[in-house]
Amino acid sequence: DLLNLIFKYFYLDFNIIKVIINIVEGNRRKINTMNQKPQWLFALDEEDIEFLKNFVLHSGSLKEMANVYDSSYPTIRLKLDRLIQKIQLNDKEDPETFQTFIRGLALDEKVDIETAKLIISKHEESVRDEVS
């Protein structure tokens, strides 16, 4: 619990740090000896990478990130949650599927969630019809 107190003292959200550590450790096993970049990294755009860099440089402090981005803590938390979802979504060894692509568009707010669900549903119907 001393670790929790230290993290709280520095305004770190321990759960965020644990998620990032799990992502990094999970990907470390997936990166081959030729030091290829993990697949999820290619799904990140410039803004995502800059956010991740700032997050690390500010020791994971969402309060400091809110100051850097001149935003509220909940806004920064939401952005981080979306980035975590984007990484998890693209952290599969499977090649990108249509559904993954549409979910990524929804995470990037290029389409709303209801539209994304409708597109995926229609795509699944058409795939079932082709198989039948």
N, C-alpha and C. Protein backbone atom coordinates (compact mmCIF):
# COMPACT_ATOMS: atom_id res chain seq x y z
N ASP A 1 0.81 -1.19 0.00
CA ASP A 1 0.00 0.00 0.00
C ASP A 1 0.85 1.26 0.00
N LEU A 2 2.12 1.11 0.34
CA LEU A 2 3.02 2.26 0.28
C LEU A 2 3.12 2.75 -1.16
N LEU A 3 3.12 1.82 -2.10
CA LEU A 3 3.16 2.17 -3.51
C LEU A 3 1.92 2.98 -3.90
N ASN A 4 0.75 2.58 -3.41
CA ASN A 4 -0.48 3.34 -3.69
C ASN A 4 -0.39 4.75 -3.14
N LEU A 5 0.15 4.91 -1.93
CA LEU A 5 0.29 6.23 -1.35
C LEU A 5 1.25 7.10 -2.17
N ILE A 6 2.32 6.50 -2.63
CA ILE A 6 3.28 7.25 -3.45
C ILE A 6 2.61 7.71 -4.73
N PHE A 7 1.89 6.82 -5.39
CA PHE A 7 1.22 7.18 -6.64
C PHE A 7 0.17 8.27 -6.39
N LYS A 8 -0.58 8.16 -5.31
CA LYS A 8 -1.59 9.18 -5.01
C LYS A 8 -0.91 10.52 -4.74
N TYR A 9 0.22 10.48 -4.06
CA TYR A 9 0.93 11.71 -3.75
C TYR A 9 1.35 12.44 -5.03
N PHE A 10 1.74 11.70 -6.01
CA PHE A 10 2.16 12.30 -7.27
C PHE A 10 1.02 12.41 -8.28
N TYR A 11 -0.23 12.29 -7.80
CA TYR A 11 -1.43 12.44 -8.62
C TYR A 11 -1.49 11.40 -9.74
N LEU A 12 -0.95 10.25 -9.53
CA LEU A 12 -0.99 9.20 -10.55
C LEU A 12 -2.18 8.29 -10.30
N ASP A 13 -2.81 7.91 -11.35
CA ASP A 13 -3.89 6.95 -11.26
C ASP A 13 -3.26 5.57 -11.40
N PHE A 14 -3.19 4.84 -10.31
CA PHE A 14 -2.50 3.55 -10.29
C PHE A 14 -3.07 2.58 -11.32
N ASN A 15 -4.38 2.61 -11.53
CA ASN A 15 -5.00 1.71 -12.50
C ASN A 15 -4.50 1.99 -13.92
N ILE A 16 -4.30 3.27 -14.25
CA ILE A 16 -3.79 3.64 -15.57
C ILE A 16 -2.39 3.07 -15.76
N ILE A 17 -1.56 3.25 -14.75
CA ILE A 17 -0.18 2.76 -14.83
C ILE A 17 -0.18 1.24 -14.99
N LYS A 18 -1.05 0.54 -14.25
CA LYS A 18 -1.11 -0.92 -14.37
C LYS A 18 -1.52 -1.34 -15.79
N VAL A 19 -2.50 -0.64 -16.37
CA VAL A 19 -2.94 -0.97 -17.73
C VAL A 19 -1.80 -0.78 -18.71
N ILE A 20 -1.10 0.34 -18.60
CA ILE A 20 0.00 0.61 -19.53
C ILE A 20 1.11 -0.42 -19.35
N ILE A 21 1.44 -0.76 -18.11
CA ILE A 21 2.47 -1.78 -17.86
C ILE A 21 2.05 -3.11 -18.47
N ASN A 22 0.78 -3.49 -18.30
CA ASN A 22 0.29 -4.75 -18.88
C ASN A 22 0.37 -4.73 -20.40
N ILE A 23 0.03 -3.59 -21.00
CA ILE A 23 0.10 -3.48 -22.46
C ILE A 23 1.54 -3.62 -22.92
N VAL A 24 2.44 -2.89 -22.25
CA VAL A 24 3.86 -2.93 -22.64
C VAL A 24 4.43 -4.32 -22.44
N GLU A 25 4.17 -4.94 -21.28
CA GLU A 25 4.71 -6.28 -21.03
C GLU A 25 4.12 -7.31 -21.99
N GLY A 26 2.84 -7.18 -22.29
CA GLY A 26 2.22 -8.10 -23.23
C GLY A 26 2.82 -7.97 -24.62
N ASN A 27 3.12 -6.75 -25.02
CA ASN A 27 3.69 -6.53 -26.34
C ASN A 27 5.15 -6.90 -26.41
N ARG A 28 5.84 -6.81 -25.30
CA ARG A 28 7.26 -7.16 -25.29
C ARG A 28 7.44 -8.60 -25.75
N ARG A 29 6.49 -9.46 -25.37
CA ARG A 29 6.55 -10.86 -25.78
C ARG A 29 6.24 -11.04 -27.27
N LYS A 30 5.45 -10.11 -27.82
CA LYS A 30 5.04 -10.23 -29.21
C LYS A 30 6.08 -9.67 -30.18
N ILE A 31 6.98 -8.84 -29.70
CA ILE A 31 7.97 -8.23 -30.57
C ILE A 31 9.07 -9.25 -30.81
N ASN A 32 9.36 -9.52 -32.08
CA ASN A 32 10.35 -10.55 -32.36
C ASN A 32 11.77 -10.00 -32.18
N THR A 33 12.75 -10.85 -32.38
CA THR A 33 14.14 -10.48 -32.13
C THR A 33 14.66 -9.43 -33.10
N MET A 34 13.94 -9.17 -34.17
CA MET A 34 14.38 -8.16 -35.13
C MET A 34 13.89 -6.77 -34.70
N ASN A 35 13.33 -6.65 -33.49
CA ASN A 35 12.86 -5.38 -32.94
C ASN A 35 11.81 -4.71 -33.82
N GLN A 36 10.91 -5.49 -34.36
CA GLN A 36 9.82 -4.91 -35.12
C GLN A 36 8.88 -4.18 -34.16
N LYS A 37 8.28 -3.13 -34.66
CA LYS A 37 7.33 -2.39 -33.84
C LYS A 37 6.05 -3.21 -33.72
N PRO A 38 5.41 -3.14 -32.56
CA PRO A 38 4.17 -3.90 -32.38
C PRO A 38 3.07 -3.34 -33.29
N GLN A 39 2.16 -4.20 -33.67
CA GLN A 39 1.10 -3.83 -34.61
C GLN A 39 0.26 -2.68 -34.12
N TRP A 40 -0.04 -2.63 -32.83
CA TRP A 40 -0.91 -1.57 -32.30
C TRP A 40 -0.31 -0.19 -32.49
N LEU A 41 1.01 -0.12 -32.56
CA LEU A 41 1.67 1.18 -32.72
C LEU A 41 1.31 1.83 -34.05
N PHE A 42 1.10 1.03 -35.08
CA PHE A 42 0.77 1.55 -36.40
C PHE A 42 -0.65 2.13 -36.44
N ALA A 43 -1.48 1.76 -35.49
CA ALA A 43 -2.86 2.26 -35.45
C ALA A 43 -2.95 3.66 -34.83
N LEU A 44 -1.87 4.08 -34.16
CA LEU A 44 -1.89 5.38 -33.50
C LEU A 44 -1.56 6.49 -34.49
N ASP A 45 -2.32 7.58 -34.41
CA ASP A 45 -2.00 8.72 -35.26
C ASP A 45 -1.06 9.65 -34.50
N GLU A 46 -0.63 10.72 -35.16
CA GLU A 46 0.34 11.65 -34.56
C GLU A 46 -0.14 12.19 -33.22
N GLU A 47 -1.43 12.53 -33.15
CA GLU A 47 -1.99 13.09 -31.92
C GLU A 47 -1.93 12.07 -30.78
N ASP A 48 -2.21 10.80 -31.08
CA ASP A 48 -2.15 9.74 -30.07
C ASP A 48 -0.73 9.58 -29.55
N ILE A 49 0.23 9.57 -30.45
CA ILE A 49 1.63 9.38 -30.07
C ILE A 49 2.11 10.56 -29.22
N GLU A 50 1.73 11.77 -29.61
CA GLU A 50 2.09 12.95 -28.84
C GLU A 50 1.48 12.90 -27.44
N PHE A 51 0.22 12.46 -27.35
CA PHE A 51 -0.44 12.34 -26.06
C PHE A 51 0.28 11.31 -25.19
N LEU A 52 0.61 10.17 -25.78
CA LEU A 52 1.30 9.11 -25.05
C LEU A 52 2.66 9.60 -24.56
N LYS A 53 3.38 10.32 -25.41
CA LYS A 53 4.69 10.88 -25.04
C LYS A 53 4.53 11.84 -23.86
N ASN A 54 3.56 12.75 -23.95
CA ASN A 54 3.34 13.70 -22.85
C ASN A 54 2.93 12.99 -21.57
N PHE A 55 2.13 11.95 -21.72
CA PHE A 55 1.69 11.17 -20.56
C PHE A 55 2.90 10.58 -19.83
N VAL A 56 3.82 10.01 -20.59
CA VAL A 56 5.02 9.42 -19.99
C VAL A 56 5.90 10.52 -19.39
N LEU A 57 6.11 11.61 -20.14
CA LEU A 57 6.97 12.69 -19.66
C LEU A 57 6.42 13.36 -18.40
N HIS A 58 5.12 13.30 -18.19
CA HIS A 58 4.51 13.87 -17.00
C HIS A 58 4.18 12.80 -15.97
N SER A 59 4.89 11.69 -16.05
CA SER A 59 4.80 10.59 -15.08
C SER A 59 3.38 10.07 -14.88
N GLY A 60 2.57 10.16 -15.91
CA GLY A 60 1.22 9.63 -15.83
C GLY A 60 0.25 10.47 -15.02
N SER A 61 0.64 11.69 -14.72
CA SER A 61 -0.22 12.56 -13.93
C SER A 61 -1.30 13.18 -14.82
N LEU A 62 -2.53 12.77 -14.59
CA LEU A 62 -3.63 13.32 -15.37
C LEU A 62 -3.86 14.79 -15.02
N LYS A 63 -3.55 15.16 -13.80
CA LYS A 63 -3.68 16.56 -13.41
C LYS A 63 -2.70 17.43 -14.21
N GLU A 64 -1.46 16.97 -14.34
CA GLU A 64 -0.49 17.72 -15.14
C GLU A 64 -0.87 17.71 -16.62
N MET A 65 -1.40 16.59 -17.08
CA MET A 65 -1.83 16.50 -18.48
C MET A 65 -2.97 17.48 -18.75
N ALA A 66 -3.85 17.65 -17.78
CA ALA A 66 -4.95 18.61 -17.94
C ALA A 66 -4.39 20.02 -18.08
N ASN A 67 -3.34 20.32 -17.34
CA ASN A 67 -2.70 21.63 -17.46
C ASN A 67 -2.02 21.80 -18.82
N VAL A 68 -1.32 20.76 -19.27
CA VAL A 68 -0.61 20.82 -20.56
C VAL A 68 -1.60 21.05 -21.70
N TYR A 69 -2.71 20.34 -21.66
CA TYR A 69 -3.70 20.42 -22.74
C TYR A 69 -4.79 21.46 -22.48
N ASP A 70 -4.66 22.17 -21.36
CA ASP A 70 -5.65 23.19 -20.99
C ASP A 70 -7.06 22.61 -21.07
N SER A 71 -7.21 21.44 -20.46
CA SER A 71 -8.48 20.72 -20.44
C SER A 71 -8.79 20.29 -19.02
N SER A 72 -9.98 19.75 -18.85
CA SER A 72 -10.35 19.25 -17.53
C SER A 72 -9.80 17.83 -17.33
N TYR A 73 -9.71 17.44 -16.07
CA TYR A 73 -9.27 16.08 -15.73
C TYR A 73 -10.16 15.03 -16.42
N PRO A 74 -11.51 15.16 -16.36
CA PRO A 74 -12.36 14.14 -17.02
C PRO A 74 -12.13 14.07 -18.53
N THR A 75 -11.84 15.20 -19.16
CA THR A 75 -11.57 15.19 -20.61
C THR A 75 -10.30 14.41 -20.91
N ILE A 76 -9.26 14.64 -20.11
CA ILE A 76 -7.99 13.92 -20.29
C ILE A 76 -8.19 12.44 -20.00
N ARG A 77 -8.96 12.13 -18.96
CA ARG A 77 -9.24 10.73 -18.60
C ARG A 77 -9.95 10.02 -19.76
N LEU A 78 -10.92 10.70 -20.37
CA LEU A 78 -11.66 10.14 -21.50
C LEU A 78 -10.71 9.89 -22.68
N LYS A 79 -9.84 10.84 -22.96
CA LYS A 79 -8.88 10.69 -24.06
C LYS A 79 -7.96 9.50 -23.80
N LEU A 80 -7.50 9.36 -22.56
CA LEU A 80 -6.64 8.23 -22.21
C LEU A 80 -7.39 6.91 -22.33
N ASP A 81 -8.64 6.87 -21.87
CA ASP A 81 -9.44 5.65 -21.99
C ASP A 81 -9.61 5.25 -23.45
N ARG A 82 -9.85 6.22 -24.31
CA ARG A 82 -10.00 5.92 -25.75
C ARG A 82 -8.69 5.42 -26.34
N LEU A 83 -7.58 6.00 -25.90
CA LEU A 83 -6.27 5.56 -26.39
C LEU A 83 -6.00 4.12 -25.94
N ILE A 84 -6.33 3.82 -24.70
CA ILE A 84 -6.15 2.45 -24.19
C ILE A 84 -7.01 1.48 -25.00
N GLN A 85 -8.27 1.86 -25.28
CA GLN A 85 -9.15 1.00 -26.08
C GLN A 85 -8.58 0.80 -27.48
N LYS A 86 -8.05 1.85 -28.05
CA LYS A 86 -7.49 1.78 -29.40
C LYS A 86 -6.29 0.82 -29.42
N ILE A 87 -5.45 0.91 -28.39
CA ILE A 87 -4.28 0.02 -28.31
C ILE A 87 -4.75 -1.42 -28.13
N GLN A 88 -5.69 -1.64 -27.22
CA GLN A 88 -6.19 -3.00 -26.97
C GLN A 88 -6.85 -3.57 -28.21
N LEU A 89 -7.60 -2.75 -28.92
CA LEU A 89 -8.30 -3.20 -30.13
C LEU A 89 -7.31 -3.65 -31.21
N ASN A 90 -6.18 -2.95 -31.29
CA ASN A 90 -5.20 -3.25 -32.33
C ASN A 90 -4.05 -4.11 -31.84
N ASP A 91 -4.17 -4.62 -30.62
CA ASP A 91 -3.10 -5.42 -30.03
C ASP A 91 -3.32 -6.91 -30.24
N LYS A 92 -4.07 -7.24 -31.26
CA LYS A 92 -4.32 -8.64 -31.56
C LYS A 92 -3.35 -9.09 -32.65
N GLU A 93 -3.03 -10.35 -32.63
CA GLU A 93 -2.12 -10.86 -33.64
C GLU A 93 -2.81 -11.06 -34.98
N ASP A 94 -4.15 -11.05 -34.96
CA ASP A 94 -4.90 -11.20 -36.20
C ASP A 94 -4.71 -9.95 -37.06
N PRO A 95 -4.71 -10.12 -38.38
CA PRO A 95 -4.67 -8.92 -39.21
C PRO A 95 -5.95 -8.12 -39.03
N GLU A 96 -5.90 -6.85 -39.37
CA GLU A 96 -7.05 -5.97 -39.17
C GLU A 96 -8.27 -6.51 -39.92
N THR A 97 -9.36 -6.59 -39.21
CA THR A 97 -10.61 -7.03 -39.81
C THR A 97 -11.48 -5.82 -40.07
N PHE A 98 -12.53 -6.02 -40.82
CA PHE A 98 -13.46 -4.94 -41.10
C PHE A 98 -14.05 -4.39 -39.81
N GLN A 99 -14.42 -5.29 -38.90
CA GLN A 99 -15.01 -4.85 -37.63
C GLN A 99 -14.01 -4.03 -36.82
N THR A 100 -12.76 -4.43 -36.80
CA THR A 100 -11.72 -3.68 -36.09
C THR A 100 -11.58 -2.29 -36.68
N PHE A 101 -11.61 -2.23 -37.99
CA PHE A 101 -11.49 -0.95 -38.68
C PHE A 101 -12.65 -0.01 -38.29
N ILE A 102 -13.87 -0.54 -38.30
CA ILE A 102 -15.05 0.28 -37.97
C ILE A 102 -15.00 0.69 -36.50
N ARG A 103 -14.61 -0.22 -35.62
CA ARG A 103 -14.50 0.13 -34.20
C ARG A 103 -13.45 1.24 -34.00
N GLY A 104 -12.37 1.17 -34.75
CA GLY A 104 -11.35 2.21 -34.69
C GLY A 104 -11.89 3.56 -35.12
N LEU A 105 -12.72 3.56 -36.16
CA LEU A 105 -13.35 4.81 -36.60
C LEU A 105 -14.25 5.39 -35.50
N ALA A 106 -14.95 4.50 -34.79
CA ALA A 106 -15.81 4.96 -33.70
C ALA A 106 -14.97 5.51 -32.54
N LEU A 107 -13.86 4.85 -32.22
CA LEU A 107 -13.00 5.35 -31.16
C LEU A 107 -12.42 6.71 -31.51
N ASP A 108 -12.11 6.92 -32.79
CA ASP A 108 -11.57 8.20 -33.25
C ASP A 108 -12.67 9.24 -33.48
N GLU A 109 -13.91 8.84 -33.18
CA GLU A 109 -15.09 9.70 -33.34
C GLU A 109 -15.29 10.16 -34.79
N LYS A 110 -14.89 9.33 -35.74
CA LYS A 110 -15.13 9.63 -37.15
C LYS A 110 -16.51 9.15 -37.56
N VAL A 111 -17.04 8.17 -36.82
CA VAL A 111 -18.45 7.76 -36.94
C VAL A 111 -18.96 7.57 -35.52
N ASP A 112 -20.26 7.79 -35.32
CA ASP A 112 -20.79 7.60 -33.97
C ASP A 112 -20.97 6.10 -33.70
N ILE A 113 -21.10 5.76 -32.44
CA ILE A 113 -21.13 4.37 -32.02
C ILE A 113 -22.33 3.62 -32.61
N GLU A 114 -23.49 4.26 -32.65
CA GLU A 114 -24.68 3.60 -33.21
C GLU A 114 -24.48 3.29 -34.69
N THR A 115 -23.87 4.21 -35.43
CA THR A 115 -23.60 3.97 -36.85
C THR A 115 -22.61 2.83 -37.00
N ALA A 116 -21.58 2.81 -36.16
CA ALA A 116 -20.58 1.74 -36.22
C ALA A 116 -21.23 0.38 -35.96
N LYS A 117 -22.12 0.32 -34.96
CA LYS A 117 -22.81 -0.94 -34.66
C LYS A 117 -23.67 -1.38 -35.84
N LEU A 118 -24.34 -0.42 -36.47
CA LEU A 118 -25.19 -0.74 -37.63
C LEU A 118 -24.35 -1.26 -38.79
N ILE A 119 -23.22 -0.62 -39.07
CA ILE A 119 -22.35 -1.05 -40.17
C ILE A 119 -21.84 -2.46 -39.91
N ILE A 120 -21.39 -2.71 -38.69
CA ILE A 120 -20.87 -4.05 -38.35
C ILE A 120 -21.97 -5.09 -38.46
N SER A 121 -23.15 -4.76 -37.98
CA SER A 121 -24.28 -5.69 -38.06
C SER A 121 -24.62 -6.03 -39.51
N LYS A 122 -24.69 -5.01 -40.36
CA LYS A 122 -25.01 -5.23 -41.78
C LYS A 122 -23.91 -6.05 -42.45
N HIS A 123 -22.66 -5.78 -42.08
CA HIS A 123 -21.54 -6.54 -42.65
C HIS A 123 -21.64 -8.01 -42.24
N GLU A 124 -21.96 -8.27 -40.98
CA GLU A 124 -22.09 -9.65 -40.51
C GLU A 124 -23.23 -10.35 -41.22
N GLU A 125 -24.34 -9.63 -41.46
CA GLU A 125 -25.47 -10.21 -42.21
C GLU A 125 -25.04 -10.58 -43.63
N SER A 126 -24.31 -9.69 -44.29
CA SER A 126 -23.91 -9.97 -45.67
C SER A 126 -22.93 -11.15 -45.73
N VAL A 127 -22.08 -11.28 -44.72
CA VAL A 127 -21.15 -12.42 -44.67
C VAL A 127 -21.93 -13.70 -44.47
N ARG A 128 -22.93 -13.68 -43.58
CA ARG A 128 -23.76 -14.88 -43.35
C ARG A 128 -24.52 -15.25 -44.62
N ASP A 129 -25.03 -14.23 -45.35
CA ASP A 129 -25.77 -14.49 -46.58
C ASP A 129 -24.87 -15.11 -47.65
N GLU A 130 -23.62 -14.68 -47.72
CA GLU A 130 -22.68 -15.24 -48.69
C GLU A 130 -22.36 -16.69 -48.40
N VAL A 131 -22.29 -17.03 -47.10
CA VAL A 131 -21.98 -18.40 -46.70
C VAL A 131 -23.16 -19.32 -46.96
N SER A 132 -24.38 -18.80 -46.81
CA SER A 132 -25.60 -19.62 -46.97
C SER A 132 -25.82 -20.05 -48.39
